[in-house]
Amino acid sequence: MLPPEPPPLPALTRAEGELIDRYLEVVDLLGRINPVHSGDTYRGLRAAQALVSRATELREALTLMHRRGENELHGATLARALRVLDGERRSSRVRVPPGPD
């Protein structure tokens, strides 16, 4: 039996799609760097090194949008795209879990 079909991505411009892709790459790397997760320092170091180039790519995606006149981020549409691409789970690795209080 095949897994259920994910919902379709909302209609995005190419620049918006690039923004979402680069944003999720940065989030994934930040999740690997997050010190609340067990692991070795080398893994965090590698992720931090990669973060520099991914952050630059994210900046370039936003710069391109701005130059093209896409000056407004459509939060609801971009949030739907992030949910379809598992952004909630991926970004949860960046958070600090609640304390034992």
PDB file of N, CA and C in Angstrom:
ATOM      1  N   MET A   1       0.845  -1.179   0.000  1.00  0.00           N
ATOM      2  CA  MET A   1       0.000   0.000   0.000  1.00  0.00           C
ATOM      3  C   MET A   1       0.892   1.244   0.000  1.00  0.00           C
ATOM      4  N   LEU A   2       0.558   2.189  -0.814  1.00  0.00           N
ATOM      5  CA  LEU A   2       1.320   3.432  -0.922  1.00  0.00           C
ATOM      6  C   LEU A   2       0.915   4.418   0.165  1.00  0.00           C
ATOM      7  N   PRO A   3       1.866   5.259   0.613  1.00  0.00           N
ATOM      8  CA  PRO A   3       1.493   6.293   1.590  1.00  0.00           C
ATOM      9  C   PRO A   3       0.558   7.307   0.951  1.00  0.00           C
ATOM     10  N   PRO A   4      -0.224   8.014   1.771  1.00  0.00           N
ATOM     11  CA  PRO A   4      -1.149   8.997   1.200  1.00  0.00           C
ATOM     12  C   PRO A   4      -0.397  10.100   0.471  1.00  0.00           C
ATOM     13  N   GLU A   5      -1.021  10.599  -0.546  1.00  0.00           N
ATOM     14  CA  GLU A   5      -0.453  11.676  -1.361  1.00  0.00           C
ATOM     15  C   GLU A   5      -0.413  12.962  -0.526  1.00  0.00           C
ATOM     16  N   PRO A   6       0.746  13.657  -0.467  1.00  0.00           N
ATOM     17  CA  PRO A   6       0.772  14.918   0.287  1.00  0.00           C
ATOM     18  C   PRO A   6      -0.064  15.970  -0.419  1.00  0.00           C
ATOM     19  N   PRO A   7      -0.527  16.967   0.333  1.00  0.00           N
ATOM     20  CA  PRO A   7      -1.296  18.025  -0.317  1.00  0.00           C
ATOM     21  C   PRO A   7      -0.404  18.767  -1.312  1.00  0.00           C
ATOM     22  N   PRO A   8      -0.998  19.344  -2.330  1.00  0.00           N
ATOM     23  CA  PRO A   8      -0.177  20.058  -3.325  1.00  0.00           C
ATOM     24  C   PRO A   8       0.405  21.339  -2.732  1.00  0.00           C
ATOM     25  N   LEU A   9       1.556  21.711  -3.243  1.00  0.00           N
ATOM     26  CA  LEU A   9       2.144  22.995  -2.862  1.00  0.00           C
ATOM     27  C   LEU A   9       1.275  24.119  -3.407  1.00  0.00           C
ATOM     28  N   PRO A  10       1.159  25.213  -2.671  1.00  0.00           N
ATOM     29  CA  PRO A  10       0.441  26.358  -3.235  1.00  0.00           C
ATOM     30  C   PRO A  10       1.251  26.940  -4.392  1.00  0.00           C
ATOM     31  N   ALA A  11       0.600  27.711  -5.217  1.00  0.00           N
ATOM     32  CA  ALA A  11       1.284  28.354  -6.338  1.00  0.00           C
ATOM     33  C   ALA A  11       2.275  29.374  -5.795  1.00  0.00           C
ATOM     34  N   LEU A  12       3.536  29.205  -6.169  1.00  0.00           N
ATOM     35  CA  LEU A  12       4.597  30.108  -5.736  1.00  0.00           C
ATOM     36  C   LEU A  12       5.346  30.614  -6.957  1.00  0.00           C
ATOM     37  N   THR A  13       5.882  31.808  -6.843  1.00  0.00           N
ATOM     38  CA  THR A  13       6.791  32.263  -7.888  1.00  0.00           C
ATOM     39  C   THR A  13       8.082  31.462  -7.744  1.00  0.00           C
ATOM     40  N   ARG A  14       8.902  31.483  -8.752  1.00  0.00           N
ATOM     41  CA  ARG A  14      10.188  30.772  -8.680  1.00  0.00           C
ATOM     42  C   ARG A  14      11.016  31.313  -7.515  1.00  0.00           C
ATOM     43  N   ALA A  15      10.991  32.628  -7.321  1.00  0.00           N
ATOM     44  CA  ALA A  15      11.758  33.250  -6.242  1.00  0.00           C
ATOM     45  C   ALA A  15      11.213  32.834  -4.875  1.00  0.00           C
ATOM     46  N   GLU A  16       9.887  32.738  -4.746  1.00  0.00           N
ATOM     47  CA  GLU A  16       9.312  32.283  -3.478  1.00  0.00           C
ATOM     48  C   GLU A  16       9.698  30.834  -3.198  1.00  0.00           C
ATOM     49  N   GLY A  17       9.695  30.007  -4.226  1.00  0.00           N
ATOM     50  CA  GLY A  17      10.114  28.623  -4.060  1.00  0.00           C
ATOM     51  C   GLY A  17      11.561  28.529  -3.620  1.00  0.00           C
ATOM     52  N   GLU A  18      12.399  29.368  -4.207  1.00  0.00           N
ATOM     53  CA  GLU A  18      13.814  29.417  -3.821  1.00  0.00           C
ATOM     54  C   GLU A  18      13.953  29.869  -2.370  1.00  0.00           C
ATOM     55  N   LEU A  19      13.173  30.864  -1.974  1.00  0.00           N
ATOM     56  CA  LEU A  19      13.197  31.351  -0.595  1.00  0.00           C
ATOM     57  C   LEU A  19      12.833  30.225   0.376  1.00  0.00           C
ATOM     58  N   ILE A  20      11.773  29.511   0.090  1.00  0.00           N
ATOM     59  CA  ILE A  20      11.332  28.413   0.963  1.00  0.00           C
ATOM     60  C   ILE A  20      12.408  27.336   1.040  1.00  0.00           C
ATOM     61  N   ASP A  21      12.971  26.949  -0.089  1.00  0.00           N
ATOM     62  CA  ASP A  21      14.006  25.910  -0.102  1.00  0.00           C
ATOM     63  C   ASP A  21      15.219  26.331   0.717  1.00  0.00           C
ATOM     64  N   ARG A  22      15.697  27.559   0.506  1.00  0.00           N
ATOM     65  CA  ARG A  22      16.882  28.021   1.239  1.00  0.00           C
ATOM     66  C   ARG A  22      16.587  28.166   2.727  1.00  0.00           C
ATOM     67  N   TYR A  23      15.378  28.654   3.064  1.00  0.00           N
ATOM     68  CA  TYR A  23      14.989  28.803   4.465  1.00  0.00           C
ATOM     69  C   TYR A  23      15.008  27.449   5.163  1.00  0.00           C
ATOM     70  N   LEU A  24      14.436  26.436   4.534  1.00  0.00           N
ATOM     71  CA  LEU A  24      14.403  25.116   5.159  1.00  0.00           C
ATOM     72  C   LEU A  24      15.796  24.512   5.291  1.00  0.00           C
ATOM     73  N   GLU A  25      16.670  24.800   4.345  1.00  0.00           N
ATOM     74  CA  GLU A  25      18.051  24.321   4.480  1.00  0.00           C
ATOM     75  C   GLU A  25      18.715  24.958   5.698  1.00  0.00           C
ATOM     76  N   VAL A  26      18.493  26.256   5.907  1.00  0.00           N
ATOM     77  CA  VAL A  26      19.053  26.937   7.072  1.00  0.00           C
ATOM     78  C   VAL A  26      18.465  26.362   8.355  1.00  0.00           C
ATOM     79  N   VAL A  27      17.161  26.135   8.375  1.00  0.00           N
ATOM     80  CA  VAL A  27      16.507  25.564   9.552  1.00  0.00           C
ATOM     81  C   VAL A  27      17.082  24.177   9.863  1.00  0.00           C
ATOM     82  N   ASP A  28      17.268  23.354   8.840  1.00  0.00           N
ATOM     83  CA  ASP A  28      17.833  22.026   9.054  1.00  0.00           C
ATOM     84  C   ASP A  28      19.225  22.109   9.670  1.00  0.00           C
ATOM     85  N   LEU A  29      20.032  23.031   9.173  1.00  0.00           N
ATOM     86  CA  LEU A  29      21.379  23.182   9.714  1.00  0.00           C
ATOM     87  C   LEU A  29      21.355  23.700  11.149  1.00  0.00           C
ATOM     88  N   LEU A  30      20.494  24.663  11.429  1.00  0.00           N
ATOM     89  CA  LEU A  30      20.370  25.155  12.802  1.00  0.00           C
ATOM     90  C   LEU A  30      19.921  24.042  13.751  1.00  0.00           C
ATOM     91  N   GLY A  31      19.053  23.163  13.261  1.00  0.00           N
ATOM     92  CA  GLY A  31      18.629  22.027  14.073  1.00  0.00           C
ATOM     93  C   GLY A  31      19.786  21.097  14.395  1.00  0.00           C
ATOM     94  N   ARG A  32      20.704  20.934  13.452  1.00  0.00           N
ATOM     95  CA  ARG A  32      21.871  20.079  13.693  1.00  0.00           C
ATOM     96  C   ARG A  32      22.871  20.735  14.634  1.00  0.00           C
ATOM     97  N   ILE A  33      22.882  22.065  14.672  1.00  0.00           N
ATOM     98  CA  ILE A  33      23.793  22.806  15.540  1.00  0.00           C
ATOM     99  C   ILE A  33      23.231  22.928  16.959  1.00  0.00           C
ATOM    100  N   ASN A  34      21.934  22.878  17.119  1.00  0.00           N
ATOM    101  CA  ASN A  34      21.263  23.115  18.398  1.00  0.00           C
ATOM    102  C   ASN A  34      21.918  22.288  19.509  1.00  0.00           C
ATOM    103  N   PRO A  35      22.463  22.949  20.526  1.00  0.00           N
ATOM    104  CA  PRO A  35      23.188  22.224  21.567  1.00  0.00           C
ATOM    105  C   PRO A  35      22.312  21.390  22.495  1.00  0.00           C
ATOM    106  N   VAL A  36      20.987  21.530  22.441  1.00  0.00           N
ATOM    107  CA  VAL A  36      20.152  20.704  23.314  1.00  0.00           C
ATOM    108  C   VAL A  36      20.033  19.273  22.802  1.00  0.00           C
ATOM    109  N   HIS A  37      20.454  19.025  21.564  1.00  0.00           N
ATOM    110  CA  HIS A  37      20.408  17.677  21.009  1.00  0.00           C
ATOM    111  C   HIS A  37      21.753  16.996  21.230  1.00  0.00           C
ATOM    112  N   SER A  38      21.703  15.758  21.612  1.00  0.00           N
ATOM    113  CA  SER A  38      22.938  15.008  21.810  1.00  0.00           C
ATOM    114  C   SER A  38      23.639  14.799  20.473  1.00  0.00           C
ATOM    115  N   GLY A  39      24.924  14.671  20.546  1.00  0.00           N
ATOM    116  CA  GLY A  39      25.710  14.442  19.346  1.00  0.00           C
ATOM    117  C   GLY A  39      27.113  14.951  19.556  1.00  0.00           C
ATOM    118  N   ASP A  40      27.926  14.756  18.560  1.00  0.00           N
ATOM    119  CA  ASP A  40      29.313  15.205  18.706  1.00  0.00           C
ATOM    120  C   ASP A  40      29.484  16.621  18.169  1.00  0.00           C
ATOM    121  N   THR A  41      30.558  17.252  18.603  1.00  0.00           N
ATOM    122  CA  THR A  41      30.814  18.629  18.189  1.00  0.00           C
ATOM    123  C   THR A  41      31.173  18.723  16.716  1.00  0.00           C
ATOM    124  N   TYR A  42      31.737  17.668  16.164  1.00  0.00           N
ATOM    125  CA  TYR A  42      32.121  17.701  14.753  1.00  0.00           C
ATOM    126  C   TYR A  42      30.893  17.864  13.859  1.00  0.00           C
ATOM    127  N   ARG A  43      29.828  17.175  14.209  1.00  0.00           N
ATOM    128  CA  ARG A  43      28.579  17.304  13.436  1.00  0.00           C
ATOM    129  C   ARG A  43      28.082  18.751  13.464  1.00  0.00           C
ATOM    130  N   GLY A  44      28.101  19.368  14.647  1.00  0.00           N
ATOM    131  CA  GLY A  44      27.691  20.765  14.767  1.00  0.00           C
ATOM    132  C   GLY A  44      28.621  21.698  14.011  1.00  0.00           C
ATOM    133  N   LEU A  45      29.911  21.406  14.068  1.00  0.00           N
ATOM    134  CA  LEU A  45      30.886  22.222  13.349  1.00  0.00           C
ATOM    135  C   LEU A  45      30.644  22.174  11.851  1.00  0.00           C
ATOM    136  N   ARG A  46      30.429  20.992  11.322  1.00  0.00           N
ATOM    137  CA  ARG A  46      30.160  20.851   9.876  1.00  0.00           C
ATOM    138  C   ARG A  46      28.895  21.601   9.482  1.00  0.00           C
ATOM    139  N   ALA A  47      27.861  21.496  10.314  1.00  0.00           N
ATOM    140  CA  ALA A  47      26.612  22.200  10.022  1.00  0.00           C
ATOM    141  C   ALA A  47      26.825  23.708  10.085  1.00  0.00           C
ATOM    142  N   ALA A  48      27.614  24.183  11.042  1.00  0.00           N
ATOM    143  CA  ALA A  48      27.879  25.620  11.162  1.00  0.00           C
ATOM    144  C   ALA A  48      28.665  26.128   9.958  1.00  0.00           C
ATOM    145  N   GLN A  49      29.593  25.333   9.471  1.00  0.00           N
ATOM    146  CA  GLN A  49      30.356  25.732   8.290  1.00  0.00           C
ATOM    147  C   GLN A  49      29.440  25.829   7.066  1.00  0.00           C
ATOM    148  N   ALA A  50      28.541  24.874   6.925  1.00  0.00           N
ATOM    149  CA  ALA A  50      27.601  24.892   5.797  1.00  0.00           C
ATOM    150  C   ALA A  50      26.592  26.030   5.929  1.00  0.00           C
ATOM    151  N   LEU A  51      26.294  26.419   7.161  1.00  0.00           N
ATOM    152  CA  LEU A  51      25.311  27.470   7.406  1.00  0.00           C
ATOM    153  C   LEU A  51      25.710  28.788   6.743  1.00  0.00           C
ATOM    154  N   VAL A  52      26.984  29.062   6.708  1.00  0.00           N
ATOM    155  CA  VAL A  52      27.458  30.313   6.113  1.00  0.00           C
ATOM    156  C   VAL A  52      27.011  30.417   4.653  1.00  0.00           C
ATOM    157  N   SER A  53      27.258  29.365   3.878  1.00  0.00           N
ATOM    158  CA  SER A  53      26.884  29.432   2.458  1.00  0.00           C
ATOM    159  C   SER A  53      25.375  29.389   2.277  1.00  0.00           C
ATOM    160  N   ARG A  54      24.677  28.621   3.103  1.00  0.00           N
ATOM    161  CA  ARG A  54      23.216  28.555   2.969  1.00  0.00           C
ATOM    162  C   ARG A  54      22.564  29.880   3.345  1.00  0.00           C
ATOM    163  N   ALA A  55      23.095  30.553   4.354  1.00  0.00           N
ATOM    164  CA  ALA A  55      22.563  31.868   4.728  1.00  0.00           C
ATOM    165  C   ALA A  55      22.793  32.869   3.604  1.00  0.00           C
ATOM    166  N   THR A  56      23.929  32.764   2.944  1.00  0.00           N
ATOM    167  CA  THR A  56      24.205  33.633   1.795  1.00  0.00           C
ATOM    168  C   THR A  56      23.203  33.363   0.677  1.00  0.00           C
ATOM    169  N   GLU A  57      22.915  32.103   0.421  1.00  0.00           N
ATOM    170  CA  GLU A  57      21.931  31.752  -0.612  1.00  0.00           C
ATOM    171  C   GLU A  57      20.535  32.249  -0.232  1.00  0.00           C
ATOM    172  N   LEU A  58      20.199  32.185   1.043  1.00  0.00           N
ATOM    173  CA  LEU A  58      18.914  32.701   1.512  1.00  0.00           C
ATOM    174  C   LEU A  58      18.854  34.209   1.288  1.00  0.00           C
ATOM    175  N   ARG A  59      19.920  34.907   1.616  1.00  0.00           N
ATOM    176  CA  ARG A  59      19.978  36.353   1.381  1.00  0.00           C
ATOM    177  C   ARG A  59      19.823  36.662  -0.099  1.00  0.00           C
ATOM    178  N   GLU A  60      20.473  35.888  -0.951  1.00  0.00           N
ATOM    179  CA  GLU A  60      20.384  36.121  -2.394  1.00  0.00           C
ATOM    180  C   GLU A  60      18.969  35.884  -2.907  1.00  0.00           C
ATOM    181  N   ALA A  61      18.276  34.891  -2.361  1.00  0.00           N
ATOM    182  CA  ALA A  61      16.886  34.642  -2.775  1.00  0.00           C
ATOM    183  C   ALA A  61      16.002  35.829  -2.411  1.00  0.00           C
ATOM    184  N   LEU A  62      16.196  36.375  -1.218  1.00  0.00           N
ATOM    185  CA  LEU A  62      15.413  37.540  -0.800  1.00  0.00           C
ATOM    186  C   LEU A  62      15.792  38.779  -1.611  1.00  0.00           C
ATOM    187  N   THR A  63      17.066  38.931  -1.921  1.00  0.00           N
ATOM    188  CA  THR A  63      17.510  40.053  -2.747  1.00  0.00           C
ATOM    189  C   THR A  63      16.877  39.983  -4.128  1.00  0.00           C
ATOM    190  N   LEU A  64      16.851  38.797  -4.713  1.00  0.00           N
ATOM    191  CA  LEU A  64      16.245  38.613  -6.028  1.00  0.00           C
ATOM    192  C   LEU A  64      14.759  38.974  -5.998  1.00  0.00           C
ATOM    193  N   MET A  65      14.062  38.520  -4.966  1.00  0.00           N
ATOM    194  CA  MET A  65      12.646  38.862  -4.857  1.00  0.00           C
ATOM    195  C   MET A  65      12.468  40.375  -4.796  1.00  0.00           C
ATOM    196  N   HIS A  66      13.275  41.030  -3.991  1.00  0.00           N
ATOM    197  CA  HIS A  66      13.161  42.480  -3.837  1.00  0.00           C
ATOM    198  C   HIS A  66      13.447  43.197  -5.164  1.00  0.00           C
ATOM    199  N   ARG A  67      14.469  42.759  -5.869  1.00  0.00           N
ATOM    200  CA  ARG A  67      14.811  43.388  -7.155  1.00  0.00           C
ATOM    201  C   ARG A  67      13.712  43.188  -8.189  1.00  0.00           C
ATOM    202  N   ARG A  68      13.020  42.078  -8.121  1.00  0.00           N
ATOM    203  CA  ARG A  68      11.935  41.801  -9.072  1.00  0.00           C
ATOM    204  C   ARG A  68      10.642  42.520  -8.698  1.00  0.00           C
ATOM    205  N   GLY A  69      10.665  43.224  -7.603  1.00  0.00           N
ATOM    206  CA  GLY A  69       9.466  43.930  -7.178  1.00  0.00           C
ATOM    207  C   GLY A  69       8.555  43.098  -6.296  1.00  0.00           C
ATOM    208  N   GLU A  70       9.018  41.926  -5.891  1.00  0.00           N
ATOM    209  CA  GLU A  70       8.244  41.099  -4.953  1.00  0.00           C
ATOM    210  C   GLU A  70       8.590  41.583  -3.557  1.00  0.00           C
ATOM    211  N   ASN A  71       8.001  42.705  -3.172  1.00  0.00           N
ATOM    212  CA  ASN A  71       8.369  43.362  -1.922  1.00  0.00           C
ATOM    213  C   ASN A  71       7.562  42.900  -0.726  1.00  0.00           C
ATOM    214  N   GLU A  72       6.581  42.067  -0.944  1.00  0.00           N
ATOM    215  CA  GLU A  72       5.731  41.613   0.152  1.00  0.00           C
ATOM    216  C   GLU A  72       5.779  40.098   0.238  1.00  0.00           C
ATOM    217  N   LEU A  73       5.984  39.582   1.458  1.00  0.00           N
ATOM    218  CA  LEU A  73       5.910  38.142   1.686  1.00  0.00           C
ATOM    219  C   LEU A  73       4.455  37.801   2.022  1.00  0.00           C
ATOM    220  N   HIS A  74       3.918  36.832   1.344  1.00  0.00           N
ATOM    221  CA  HIS A  74       2.539  36.399   1.577  1.00  0.00           C
ATOM    222  C   HIS A  74       2.583  35.258   2.585  1.00  0.00           C
ATOM    223  N   GLY A  75       2.503  35.645   3.862  1.00  0.00           N
ATOM    224  CA  GLY A  75       2.714  34.723   4.975  1.00  0.00           C
ATOM    225  C   GLY A  75       1.838  33.488   4.945  1.00  0.00           C
ATOM    226  N   ALA A  76       0.566  33.647   4.665  1.00  0.00           N
ATOM    227  CA  ALA A  76      -0.342  32.491   4.683  1.00  0.00           C
ATOM    228  C   ALA A  76       0.046  31.482   3.606  1.00  0.00           C
ATOM    229  N   THR A  77       0.368  31.961   2.420  1.00  0.00           N
ATOM    230  CA  THR A  77       0.752  31.075   1.319  1.00  0.00           C
ATOM    231  C   THR A  77       2.084  30.396   1.614  1.00  0.00           C
ATOM    232  N   LEU A  78       3.043  31.163   2.101  1.00  0.00           N
ATOM    233  CA  LEU A  78       4.351  30.592   2.410  1.00  0.00           C
ATOM    234  C   LEU A  78       4.260  29.613   3.581  1.00  0.00           C
ATOM    235  N   ALA A  79       3.392  29.892   4.545  1.00  0.00           N
ATOM    236  CA  ALA A  79       3.190  28.963   5.663  1.00  0.00           C
ATOM    237  C   ALA A  79       2.610  27.642   5.160  1.00  0.00           C
ATOM    238  N   ARG A  80       1.665  27.700   4.213  1.00  0.00           N
ATOM    239  CA  ARG A  80       1.115  26.460   3.644  1.00  0.00           C
ATOM    240  C   ARG A  80       2.207  25.662   2.962  1.00  0.00           C
ATOM    241  N   ALA A  81       3.078  26.343   2.221  1.00  0.00           N
ATOM    242  CA  ALA A  81       4.181  25.655   1.544  1.00  0.00           C
ATOM    243  C   ALA A  81       5.113  25.012   2.564  1.00  0.00           C
ATOM    244  N   LEU A  82       5.410  25.721   3.641  1.00  0.00           N
ATOM    245  CA  LEU A  82       6.279  25.161   4.679  1.00  0.00           C
ATOM    246  C   LEU A  82       5.651  23.929   5.329  1.00  0.00           C
ATOM    247  N   ARG A  83       4.346  23.973   5.550  1.00  0.00           N
ATOM    248  CA  ARG A  83       3.671  22.805   6.151  1.00  0.00           C
ATOM    249  C   ARG A  83       3.731  21.600   5.220  1.00  0.00           C
ATOM    250  N   VAL A  84       3.504  21.819   3.933  1.00  0.00           N
ATOM    251  CA  VAL A  84       3.557  20.723   2.960  1.00  0.00           C
ATOM    252  C   VAL A  84       4.960  20.115   2.938  1.00  0.00           C
ATOM    253  N   LEU A  85       5.980  20.942   3.106  1.00  0.00           N
ATOM    254  CA  LEU A  85       7.367  20.481   3.053  1.00  0.00           C
ATOM    255  C   LEU A  85       7.900  20.082   4.429  1.00  0.00           C
ATOM    256  N   ASP A  86       7.002  19.822   5.367  1.00  0.00           N
ATOM    257  CA  ASP A  86       7.353  19.326   6.700  1.00  0.00           C
ATOM    258  C   ASP A  86       8.125  20.361   7.514  1.00  0.00           C
ATOM    259  N   GLY A  87       7.864  21.617   7.273  1.00  0.00           N
ATOM    260  CA  GLY A  87       8.554  22.694   7.954  1.00  0.00           C
ATOM    261  C   GLY A  87       8.317  22.734   9.452  1.00  0.00           C
ATOM    262  N   GLU A  88       7.145  22.307   9.893  1.00  0.00           N
ATOM    263  CA  GLU A  88       6.865  22.319  11.337  1.00  0.00           C
ATOM    264  C   GLU A  88       7.790  21.356  12.075  1.00  0.00           C
ATOM    265  N   ARG A  89       7.929  20.148  11.566  1.00  0.00           N
ATOM    266  CA  ARG A  89       8.811  19.167  12.210  1.00  0.00           C
ATOM    267  C   ARG A  89      10.260  19.619  12.118  1.00  0.00           C
ATOM    268  N   ARG A  90      10.643  20.091  10.942  1.00  0.00           N
ATOM    269  CA  ARG A  90      12.028  20.492  10.734  1.00  0.00           C
ATOM    270  C   ARG A  90      12.407  21.669  11.623  1.00  0.00           C
ATOM    271  N   SER A  91      11.516  22.621  11.789  1.00  0.00           N
ATOM    272  CA  SER A  91      11.824  23.778  12.634  1.00  0.00           C
ATOM    273  C   SER A  91      11.744  23.448  14.121  1.00  0.00           C
ATOM    274  N   SER A  92      11.071  22.383  14.477  1.00  0.00           N
ATOM    275  CA  SER A  92      10.978  22.021  15.892  1.00  0.00           C
ATOM    276  C   SER A  92      12.339  21.636  16.465  1.00  0.00           C
ATOM    277  N   ARG A  93      13.266  21.215  15.625  1.00  0.00           N
ATOM    278  CA  ARG A  93      14.600  20.853  16.106  1.00  0.00           C
ATOM    279  C   ARG A  93      15.423  22.081  16.501  1.00  0.00           C
ATOM    280  N   VAL A  94      14.960  23.265  16.124  1.00  0.00           N
ATOM    281  CA  VAL A  94      15.669  24.497  16.465  1.00  0.00           C
ATOM    282  C   VAL A  94      15.278  24.969  17.866  1.00  0.00           C
ATOM    283  N   ARG A  95      14.107  24.618  18.317  1.00  0.00           N
ATOM    284  CA  ARG A  95      13.583  25.105  19.595  1.00  0.00           C
ATOM    285  C   ARG A  95      14.275  24.457  20.784  1.00  0.00           C
ATOM    286  N   VAL A  96      14.209  25.182  21.903  1.00  0.00           N
ATOM    287  CA  VAL A  96      14.651  24.630  23.179  1.00  0.00           C
ATOM    288  C   VAL A  96      13.414  24.008  23.825  1.00  0.00           C
ATOM    289  N   PRO A  97      13.503  22.727  24.211  1.00  0.00           N
ATOM    290  CA  PRO A  97      12.331  22.093  24.814  1.00  0.00           C
ATOM    291  C   PRO A  97      11.974  22.758  26.143  1.00  0.00           C
ATOM    292  N   PRO A  98      10.703  22.666  26.527  1.00  0.00           N
ATOM    293  CA  PRO A  98      10.296  23.273  27.817  1.00  0.00           C
ATOM    294  C   PRO A  98      11.032  22.598  28.966  1.00  0.00           C
ATOM    295  N   GLY A  99      11.270  23.380  29.998  1.00  0.00           N
ATOM    296  CA  GLY A  99      11.957  22.865  31.186  1.00  0.00           C
ATOM    297  C   GLY A  99      11.059  21.981  32.024  1.00  0.00           C
ATOM    298  N   PRO A 100      11.629  21.361  33.046  1.00  0.00           N
ATOM    299  CA  PRO A 100      10.857  20.429  33.882  1.00  0.00           C
ATOM    300  C   PRO A 100       9.904  21.120  34.853  1.00  0.00           C
ATOM    301  N   ASP A 101       9.805  22.444  34.793  1.00  0.00           N
ATOM    302  CA  ASP A 101       8.965  23.193  35.746  1.00  0.00           C
ATOM    303  C   ASP A 101       7.580  22.674  35.715  1.00  0.00           C
TER     304      ASP A 101
END
